Amino acid sequence: MPNNAAVVEIAQTASKFTSSIVLHSENKYIDVKSILGLFTTLVGSHSYELHVHGPDAEEAQKAIVEVFQKHGLHISVAT
C-alpha cells in the first residue's frame, strides 16, 4: 500500500490539469483526481496503465509519471 503522501501528491498533481487522467488496473478504471479512488486501488506491487486525454495531456502525463516514479509505483503510459 502506498503511503498517504503518495496518494495525496498524485491527486493534487492531477487536479492541476484539465485533461482526463485515468489509471487502468485489473479491469478497473480510476480517476486519478479522486483521492478515495486512489486509496482503494493503489498497491505498490501492481502495474498501472495511464490514460490521459485533453488539452494539456502531454504535460499532465509527464507530471503524473514523475510522481509515480518518485514514490516507487509502477506505471506505463497507454499509447
PDB file of N, CA and C in Angstrom:
ATOM      1  N   MET A   1       0.850  -1.193   0.000  1.00  0.00           N
ATOM      2  CA  MET A   1       0.000   0.000   0.000  1.00  0.00           C
ATOM      3  C   MET A   1       0.887   1.245   0.000  1.00  0.00           C
ATOM      4  N   PRO A   2       0.631   2.188  -0.888  1.00  0.00           N
ATOM      5  CA  PRO A   2       1.454   3.388  -0.898  1.00  0.00           C
ATOM      6  C   PRO A   2       1.145   4.238   0.323  1.00  0.00           C
ATOM      7  N   ASN A   3       2.062   5.110   0.669  1.00  0.00           N
ATOM      8  CA  ASN A   3       1.791   5.955   1.816  1.00  0.00           C
ATOM      9  C   ASN A   3       0.808   7.061   1.440  1.00  0.00           C
ATOM     10  N   ASN A   4       0.241   7.665   2.469  1.00  0.00           N
ATOM     11  CA  ASN A   4      -0.752   8.721   2.247  1.00  0.00           C
ATOM     12  C   ASN A   4      -0.194   9.862   1.415  1.00  0.00           C
ATOM     13  N   ALA A   5       1.078  10.181   1.637  1.00  0.00           N
ATOM     14  CA  ALA A   5       1.701  11.285   0.905  1.00  0.00           C
ATOM     15  C   ALA A   5       1.677  11.020  -0.597  1.00  0.00           C
ATOM     16  N   ALA A   6       1.914   9.784  -1.001  1.00  0.00           N
ATOM     17  CA  ALA A   6       1.902   9.434  -2.425  1.00  0.00           C
ATOM     18  C   ALA A   6       0.514   9.661  -3.016  1.00  0.00           C
ATOM     19  N   VAL A   7      -0.502   9.171  -2.333  1.00  0.00           N
ATOM     20  CA  VAL A   7      -1.874   9.299  -2.823  1.00  0.00           C
ATOM     21  C   VAL A   7      -2.265  10.770  -2.944  1.00  0.00           C
ATOM     22  N   VAL A   8      -1.977  11.538  -1.900  1.00  0.00           N
ATOM     23  CA  VAL A   8      -2.324  12.964  -1.904  1.00  0.00           C
ATOM     24  C   VAL A   8      -1.566  13.706  -3.004  1.00  0.00           C
ATOM     25  N   GLU A   9      -0.273  13.415  -3.151  1.00  0.00           N
ATOM     26  CA  GLU A   9       0.522  14.107  -4.167  1.00  0.00           C
ATOM     27  C   GLU A   9       0.050  13.767  -5.579  1.00  0.00           C
ATOM     28  N   ILE A  10      -0.299  12.516  -5.814  1.00  0.00           N
ATOM     29  CA  ILE A  10      -0.805  12.110  -7.135  1.00  0.00           C
ATOM     30  C   ILE A  10      -2.098  12.862  -7.448  1.00  0.00           C
ATOM     31  N   ALA A  11      -3.032  12.871  -6.491  1.00  0.00           N
ATOM     32  CA  ALA A  11      -4.320  13.540  -6.714  1.00  0.00           C
ATOM     33  C   ALA A  11      -4.145  15.050  -6.884  1.00  0.00           C
ATOM     34  N   GLN A  12      -3.279  15.649  -6.072  1.00  0.00           N
ATOM     35  CA  GLN A  12      -3.051  17.094  -6.176  1.00  0.00           C
ATOM     36  C   GLN A  12      -2.411  17.446  -7.514  1.00  0.00           C
ATOM     37  N   THR A  13      -1.465  16.628  -7.946  1.00  0.00           N
ATOM     38  CA  THR A  13      -0.807  16.870  -9.231  1.00  0.00           C
ATOM     39  C   THR A  13      -1.830  16.760 -10.360  1.00  0.00           C
ATOM     40  N   ALA A  14      -2.651  15.729 -10.315  1.00  0.00           N
ATOM     41  CA  ALA A  14      -3.657  15.520 -11.360  1.00  0.00           C
ATOM     42  C   ALA A  14      -4.652  16.667 -11.413  1.00  0.00           C
ATOM     43  N   SER A  15      -5.008  17.215 -10.257  1.00  0.00           N
ATOM     44  CA  SER A  15      -6.034  18.257 -10.216  1.00  0.00           C
ATOM     45  C   SER A  15      -5.565  19.580 -10.823  1.00  0.00           C
ATOM     46  N   LYS A  16      -4.277  19.704 -11.089  1.00  0.00           N
ATOM     47  CA  LYS A  16      -3.749  20.919 -11.718  1.00  0.00           C
ATOM     48  C   LYS A  16      -4.064  20.962 -13.211  1.00  0.00           C
ATOM     49  N   PHE A  17      -4.470  19.835 -13.764  1.00  0.00           N
ATOM     50  CA  PHE A  17      -4.686  19.735 -15.210  1.00  0.00           C
ATOM     51  C   PHE A  17      -6.163  19.602 -15.534  1.00  0.00           C
ATOM     52  N   THR A  18      -6.548  20.072 -16.720  1.00  0.00           N
ATOM     53  CA  THR A  18      -7.941  19.936 -17.143  1.00  0.00           C
ATOM     54  C   THR A  18      -8.183  18.603 -17.849  1.00  0.00           C
ATOM     55  N   SER A  19      -7.117  17.950 -18.300  1.00  0.00           N
ATOM     56  CA  SER A  19      -7.260  16.676 -19.013  1.00  0.00           C
ATOM     57  C   SER A  19      -7.878  15.605 -18.118  1.00  0.00           C
ATOM     58  N   SER A  20      -8.503  14.642 -18.758  1.00  0.00           N
ATOM     59  CA  SER A  20      -8.983  13.454 -18.070  1.00  0.00           C
ATOM     60  C   SER A  20      -7.765  12.560 -17.812  1.00  0.00           C
ATOM     61  N   ILE A  21      -7.560  12.176 -16.552  1.00  0.00           N
ATOM     62  CA  ILE A  21      -6.403  11.353 -16.191  1.00  0.00           C
ATOM     63  C   ILE A  21      -6.929  10.125 -15.465  1.00  0.00           C
ATOM     64  N   VAL A  22      -6.752   8.971 -16.105  1.00  0.00           N
ATOM     65  CA  VAL A  22      -7.343   7.738 -15.599  1.00  0.00           C
ATOM     66  C   VAL A  22      -6.289   6.640 -15.526  1.00  0.00           C
ATOM     67  N   LEU A  23      -6.337   5.867 -14.448  1.00  0.00           N
ATOM     68  CA  LEU A  23      -5.479   4.691 -14.322  1.00  0.00           C
ATOM     69  C   LEU A  23      -6.291   3.465 -14.637  1.00  0.00           C
ATOM     70  N   HIS A  24      -5.697   2.539 -15.366  1.00  0.00           N
ATOM     71  CA  HIS A  24      -6.346   1.261 -15.639  1.00  0.00           C
ATOM     72  C   HIS A  24      -5.547   0.178 -14.941  1.00  0.00           C
ATOM     73  N   SER A  25      -6.222  -0.606 -14.118  1.00  0.00           N
ATOM     74  CA  SER A  25      -5.567  -1.699 -13.410  1.00  0.00           C
ATOM     75  C   SER A  25      -6.558  -2.807 -13.144  1.00  0.00           C
ATOM     76  N   GLU A  26      -6.235  -3.983 -13.600  1.00  0.00           N
ATOM     77  CA  GLU A  26      -7.065  -5.162 -13.325  1.00  0.00           C
ATOM     78  C   GLU A  26      -8.549  -4.904 -13.555  1.00  0.00           C
ATOM     79  N   ASN A  27      -8.909  -4.513 -14.757  1.00  0.00           N
ATOM     80  CA  ASN A  27     -10.299  -4.281 -15.148  1.00  0.00           C
ATOM     81  C   ASN A  27     -10.974  -3.141 -14.404  1.00  0.00           C
ATOM     82  N   LYS A  28     -10.195  -2.282 -13.759  1.00  0.00           N
ATOM     83  CA  LYS A  28     -10.759  -1.123 -13.068  1.00  0.00           C
ATOM     84  C   LYS A  28     -10.188   0.133 -13.691  1.00  0.00           C
ATOM     85  N   TYR A  29     -11.029   1.142 -13.765  1.00  0.00           N
ATOM     86  CA  TYR A  29     -10.575   2.458 -14.197  1.00  0.00           C
ATOM     87  C   TYR A  29     -10.752   3.417 -13.034  1.00  0.00           C
ATOM     88  N   ILE A  30      -9.693   4.147 -12.702  1.00  0.00           N
ATOM     89  CA  ILE A  30      -9.720   5.026 -11.549  1.00  0.00           C
ATOM     90  C   ILE A  30      -9.406   6.441 -11.989  1.00  0.00           C
ATOM     91  N   ASP A  31     -10.257   7.383 -11.598  1.00  0.00           N
ATOM     92  CA  ASP A  31      -9.988   8.794 -11.847  1.00  0.00           C
ATOM     93  C   ASP A  31      -8.867   9.216 -10.904  1.00  0.00           C
ATOM     94  N   VAL A  32      -7.746   9.638 -11.464  1.00  0.00           N
ATOM     95  CA  VAL A  32      -6.572   9.963 -10.653  1.00  0.00           C
ATOM     96  C   VAL A  32      -6.809  11.195  -9.777  1.00  0.00           C
ATOM     97  N   LYS A  33      -7.813  11.982 -10.110  1.00  0.00           N
ATOM     98  CA  LYS A  33      -8.126  13.161  -9.299  1.00  0.00           C
ATOM     99  C   LYS A  33      -8.919  12.801  -8.041  1.00  0.00           C
ATOM    100  N   SER A  34      -9.321  11.553  -7.918  1.00  0.00           N
ATOM    101  CA  SER A  34     -10.110  11.088  -6.771  1.00  0.00           C
ATOM    102  C   SER A  34      -9.210  10.451  -5.717  1.00  0.00           C
ATOM    103  N   ILE A  35      -9.034  11.136  -4.593  1.00  0.00           N
ATOM    104  CA  ILE A  35      -8.194  10.598  -3.516  1.00  0.00           C
ATOM    105  C   ILE A  35      -8.767   9.271  -3.019  1.00  0.00           C
ATOM    106  N   LEU A  36     -10.087   9.213  -2.860  1.00  0.00           N
ATOM    107  CA  LEU A  36     -10.707   7.970  -2.377  1.00  0.00           C
ATOM    108  C   LEU A  36     -10.468   6.829  -3.363  1.00  0.00           C
ATOM    109  N   GLY A  37     -10.614   7.104  -4.653  1.00  0.00           N
ATOM    110  CA  GLY A  37     -10.374   6.086  -5.671  1.00  0.00           C
ATOM    111  C   GLY A  37      -8.941   5.572  -5.622  1.00  0.00           C
ATOM    112  N   LEU A  38      -8.002   6.477  -5.427  1.00  0.00           N
ATOM    113  CA  LEU A  38      -6.595   6.081  -5.350  1.00  0.00           C
ATOM    114  C   LEU A  38      -6.329   5.240  -4.109  1.00  0.00           C
ATOM    115  N   PHE A  39      -6.885   5.662  -2.967  1.00  0.00           N
ATOM    116  CA  PHE A  39      -6.665   4.919  -1.720  1.00  0.00           C
ATOM    117  C   PHE A  39      -7.151   3.475  -1.831  1.00  0.00           C
ATOM    118  N   THR A  40      -8.279   3.281  -2.505  1.00  0.00           N
ATOM    119  CA  THR A  40      -8.848   1.940  -2.574  1.00  0.00           C
ATOM    120  C   THR A  40      -8.220   1.077  -3.662  1.00  0.00           C
ATOM    121  N   THR A  41      -7.398   1.683  -4.513  1.00  0.00           N
ATOM    122  CA  THR A  41      -6.875   0.951  -5.661  1.00  0.00           C
ATOM    123  C   THR A  41      -5.369   0.791  -5.681  1.00  0.00           C
ATOM    124  N   LEU A  42      -4.637   1.818  -5.268  1.00  0.00           N
ATOM    125  CA  LEU A  42      -3.187   1.785  -5.404  1.00  0.00           C
ATOM    126  C   LEU A  42      -2.537   0.765  -4.486  1.00  0.00           C
ATOM    127  N   VAL A  43      -1.801  -0.143  -5.071  1.00  0.00           N
ATOM    128  CA  VAL A  43      -0.995  -1.092  -4.324  1.00  0.00           C
ATOM    129  C   VAL A  43       0.362  -1.101  -5.011  1.00  0.00           C
ATOM    130  N   GLY A  44       1.403  -0.881  -4.249  1.00  0.00           N
ATOM    131  CA  GLY A  44       2.726  -0.695  -4.815  1.00  0.00           C
ATOM    132  C   GLY A  44       3.212  -1.750  -5.790  1.00  0.00           C
ATOM    133  N   SER A  45       2.815  -2.993  -5.569  1.00  0.00           N
ATOM    134  CA  SER A  45       3.346  -4.076  -6.399  1.00  0.00           C
ATOM    135  C   SER A  45       2.632  -4.198  -7.741  1.00  0.00           C
ATOM    136  N   HIS A  46       1.483  -3.557  -7.879  1.00  0.00           N
ATOM    137  CA  HIS A  46       0.732  -3.663  -9.121  1.00  0.00           C
ATOM    138  C   HIS A  46       1.292  -2.722 -10.175  1.00  0.00           C
ATOM    139  N   SER A  47       0.938  -3.011 -11.403  1.00  0.00           N
ATOM    140  CA  SER A  47       1.333  -2.162 -12.507  1.00  0.00           C
ATOM    141  C   SER A  47       0.087  -1.437 -13.001  1.00  0.00           C
ATOM    142  N   TYR A  48       0.253  -0.199 -13.354  1.00  0.00           N
ATOM    143  CA  TYR A  48      -0.873   0.617 -13.780  1.00  0.00           C
ATOM    144  C   TYR A  48      -0.614   1.175 -15.163  1.00  0.00           C
ATOM    145  N   GLU A  49      -1.698   1.334 -15.908  1.00  0.00           N
ATOM    146  CA  GLU A  49      -1.605   1.933 -17.234  1.00  0.00           C
ATOM    147  C   GLU A  49      -2.280   3.293 -17.167  1.00  0.00           C
ATOM    148  N   LEU A  50      -1.586   4.315 -17.619  1.00  0.00           N
ATOM    149  CA  LEU A  50      -2.076   5.681 -17.546  1.00  0.00           C
ATOM    150  C   LEU A  50      -2.713   6.094 -18.861  1.00  0.00           C
ATOM    151  N   HIS A  51      -3.930   6.619 -18.771  1.00  0.00           N
ATOM    152  CA  HIS A  51      -4.645   7.140 -19.937  1.00  0.00           C
ATOM    153  C   HIS A  51      -4.915   8.620 -19.696  1.00  0.00           C
ATOM    154  N   VAL A  52      -4.393   9.473 -20.570  1.00  0.00           N
ATOM    155  CA  VAL A  52      -4.584  10.913 -20.413  1.00  0.00           C
ATOM    156  C   VAL A  52      -5.139  11.478 -21.713  1.00  0.00           C
ATOM    157  N   HIS A  53      -6.246  12.206 -21.608  1.00  0.00           N
ATOM    158  CA  HIS A  53      -6.883  12.802 -22.787  1.00  0.00           C
ATOM    159  C   HIS A  53      -7.298  14.226 -22.459  1.00  0.00           C
ATOM    160  N   GLY A  54      -6.915  15.160 -23.309  1.00  0.00           N
ATOM    161  CA  GLY A  54      -7.348  16.533 -23.102  1.00  0.00           C
ATOM    162  C   GLY A  54      -6.326  17.524 -23.610  1.00  0.00           C
ATOM    163  N   PRO A  55      -6.625  18.805 -23.409  1.00  0.00           N
ATOM    164  CA  PRO A  55      -5.800  19.870 -23.974  1.00  0.00           C
ATOM    165  C   PRO A  55      -4.382  19.940 -23.408  1.00  0.00           C
ATOM    166  N   ASP A  56      -4.205  19.528 -22.153  1.00  0.00           N
ATOM    167  CA  ASP A  56      -2.872  19.579 -21.547  1.00  0.00           C
ATOM    168  C   ASP A  56      -2.358  18.175 -21.220  1.00  0.00           C
ATOM    169  N   ALA A  57      -2.740  17.231 -22.069  1.00  0.00           N
ATOM    170  CA  ALA A  57      -2.435  15.819 -21.819  1.00  0.00           C
ATOM    171  C   ALA A  57      -0.940  15.537 -21.705  1.00  0.00           C
ATOM    172  N   GLU A  58      -0.156  16.157 -22.568  1.00  0.00           N
ATOM    173  CA  GLU A  58       1.277  15.879 -22.579  1.00  0.00           C
ATOM    174  C   GLU A  58       1.927  16.282 -21.253  1.00  0.00           C
ATOM    175  N   GLU A  59       1.607  17.472 -20.775  1.00  0.00           N
ATOM    176  CA  GLU A  59       2.159  17.955 -19.510  1.00  0.00           C
ATOM    177  C   GLU A  59       1.639  17.123 -18.338  1.00  0.00           C
ATOM    178  N   ALA A  60       0.353  16.801 -18.369  1.00  0.00           N
ATOM    179  CA  ALA A  60      -0.260  16.022 -17.291  1.00  0.00           C
ATOM    180  C   ALA A  60       0.381  14.644 -17.196  1.00  0.00           C
ATOM    181  N   GLN A  61       0.559  14.011 -18.332  1.00  0.00           N
ATOM    182  CA  GLN A  61       1.157  12.670 -18.377  1.00  0.00           C
ATOM    183  C   GLN A  61       2.557  12.690 -17.769  1.00  0.00           C
ATOM    184  N   LYS A  62       3.355  13.658 -18.158  1.00  0.00           N
ATOM    185  CA  LYS A  62       4.722  13.766 -17.658  1.00  0.00           C
ATOM    186  C   LYS A  62       4.730  13.955 -16.134  1.00  0.00           C
ATOM    187  N   ALA A  63       3.873  14.839 -15.652  1.00  0.00           N
ATOM    188  CA  ALA A  63       3.828  15.140 -14.219  1.00  0.00           C
ATOM    189  C   ALA A  63       3.392  13.928 -13.398  1.00  0.00           C
ATOM    190  N   ILE A  64       2.373  13.213 -13.874  1.00  0.00           N
ATOM    191  CA  ILE A  64       1.869  12.048 -13.138  1.00  0.00           C
ATOM    192  C   ILE A  64       2.912  10.933 -13.114  1.00  0.00           C
ATOM    193  N   VAL A  65       3.554  10.679 -14.244  1.00  0.00           N
ATOM    194  CA  VAL A  65       4.590   9.645 -14.303  1.00  0.00           C
ATOM    195  C   VAL A  65       5.708   9.964 -13.310  1.00  0.00           C
ATOM    196  N   GLU A  66       6.093  11.235 -13.242  1.00  0.00           N
ATOM    197  CA  GLU A  66       7.153  11.639 -12.308  1.00  0.00           C
ATOM    198  C   GLU A  66       6.767  11.366 -10.864  1.00  0.00           C
ATOM    199  N   VAL A  67       5.520  11.669 -10.500  1.00  0.00           N
ATOM    200  CA  VAL A  67       5.074  11.444  -9.120  1.00  0.00           C
ATOM    201  C   VAL A  67       5.045   9.937  -8.815  1.00  0.00           C
ATOM    202  N   PHE A  68       4.546   9.137  -9.761  1.00  0.00           N
ATOM    203  CA  PHE A  68       4.522   7.682  -9.557  1.00  0.00           C
ATOM    204  C   PHE A  68       5.931   7.145  -9.330  1.00  0.00           C
ATOM    205  N   GLN A  69       6.854   7.574 -10.187  1.00  0.00           N
ATOM    206  CA  GLN A  69       8.234   7.085 -10.075  1.00  0.00           C
ATOM    207  C   GLN A  69       8.872   7.530  -8.772  1.00  0.00           C
ATOM    208  N   LYS A  70       8.608   8.753  -8.372  1.00  0.00           N
ATOM    209  CA  LYS A  70       9.148   9.300  -7.122  1.00  0.00           C
ATOM    210  C   LYS A  70       8.755   8.416  -5.934  1.00  0.00           C
ATOM    211  N   HIS A  71       7.531   7.869  -5.984  1.00  0.00           N
ATOM    212  CA  HIS A  71       7.020   7.057  -4.880  1.00  0.00           C
ATOM    213  C   HIS A  71       7.204   5.552  -5.123  1.00  0.00           C
ATOM    214  N   GLY A  72       7.956   5.201  -6.158  1.00  0.00           N
ATOM    215  CA  GLY A  72       8.249   3.799  -6.414  1.00  0.00           C
ATOM    216  C   GLY A  72       7.080   2.969  -6.909  1.00  0.00           C
ATOM    217  N   LEU A  73       6.129   3.606  -7.552  1.00  0.00           N
ATOM    218  CA  LEU A  73       4.955   2.894  -8.102  1.00  0.00           C
ATOM    219  C   LEU A  73       5.177   2.667  -9.589  1.00  0.00           C
ATOM    220  N   HIS A  74       4.775   1.497 -10.067  1.00  0.00           N
ATOM    221  CA  HIS A  74       4.973   1.135 -11.469  1.00  0.00           C
ATOM    222  C   HIS A  74       3.835   1.699 -12.315  1.00  0.00           C
ATOM    223  N   ILE A  75       4.216   2.335 -13.405  1.00  0.00           N
ATOM    224  CA  ILE A  75       3.202   2.879 -14.304  1.00  0.00           C
ATOM    225  C   ILE A  75       3.693   2.810 -15.744  1.00  0.00           C
ATOM    226  N   SER A  76       2.768   2.502 -16.640  1.00  0.00           N
ATOM    227  CA  SER A  76       3.091   2.557 -18.068  1.00  0.00           C
ATOM    228  C   SER A  76       2.070   3.493 -18.702  1.00  0.00           C
ATOM    229  N   VAL A  77       2.429   4.058 -19.816  1.00  0.00           N
ATOM    230  CA  VAL A  77       1.558   5.021 -20.478  1.00  0.00           C
ATOM    231  C   VAL A  77       0.892   4.344 -21.669  1.00  0.00           C
ATOM    232  N   ALA A  78      -0.434   4.433 -21.711  1.00  0.00           N
ATOM    233  CA  ALA A  78      -1.172   3.864 -22.826  1.00  0.00           C
ATOM    234  C   ALA A  78      -0.896   4.697 -24.070  1.00  0.00           C
ATOM    235  N   THR A  79      -0.763   4.004 -25.215  1.00  0.00           N
ATOM    236  CA  THR A  79      -0.477   4.741 -26.446  1.00  0.00           C
ATOM    237  C   THR A  79      -1.754   4.954 -27.243  1.00  0.00           C
TER     238      THR A  79
END
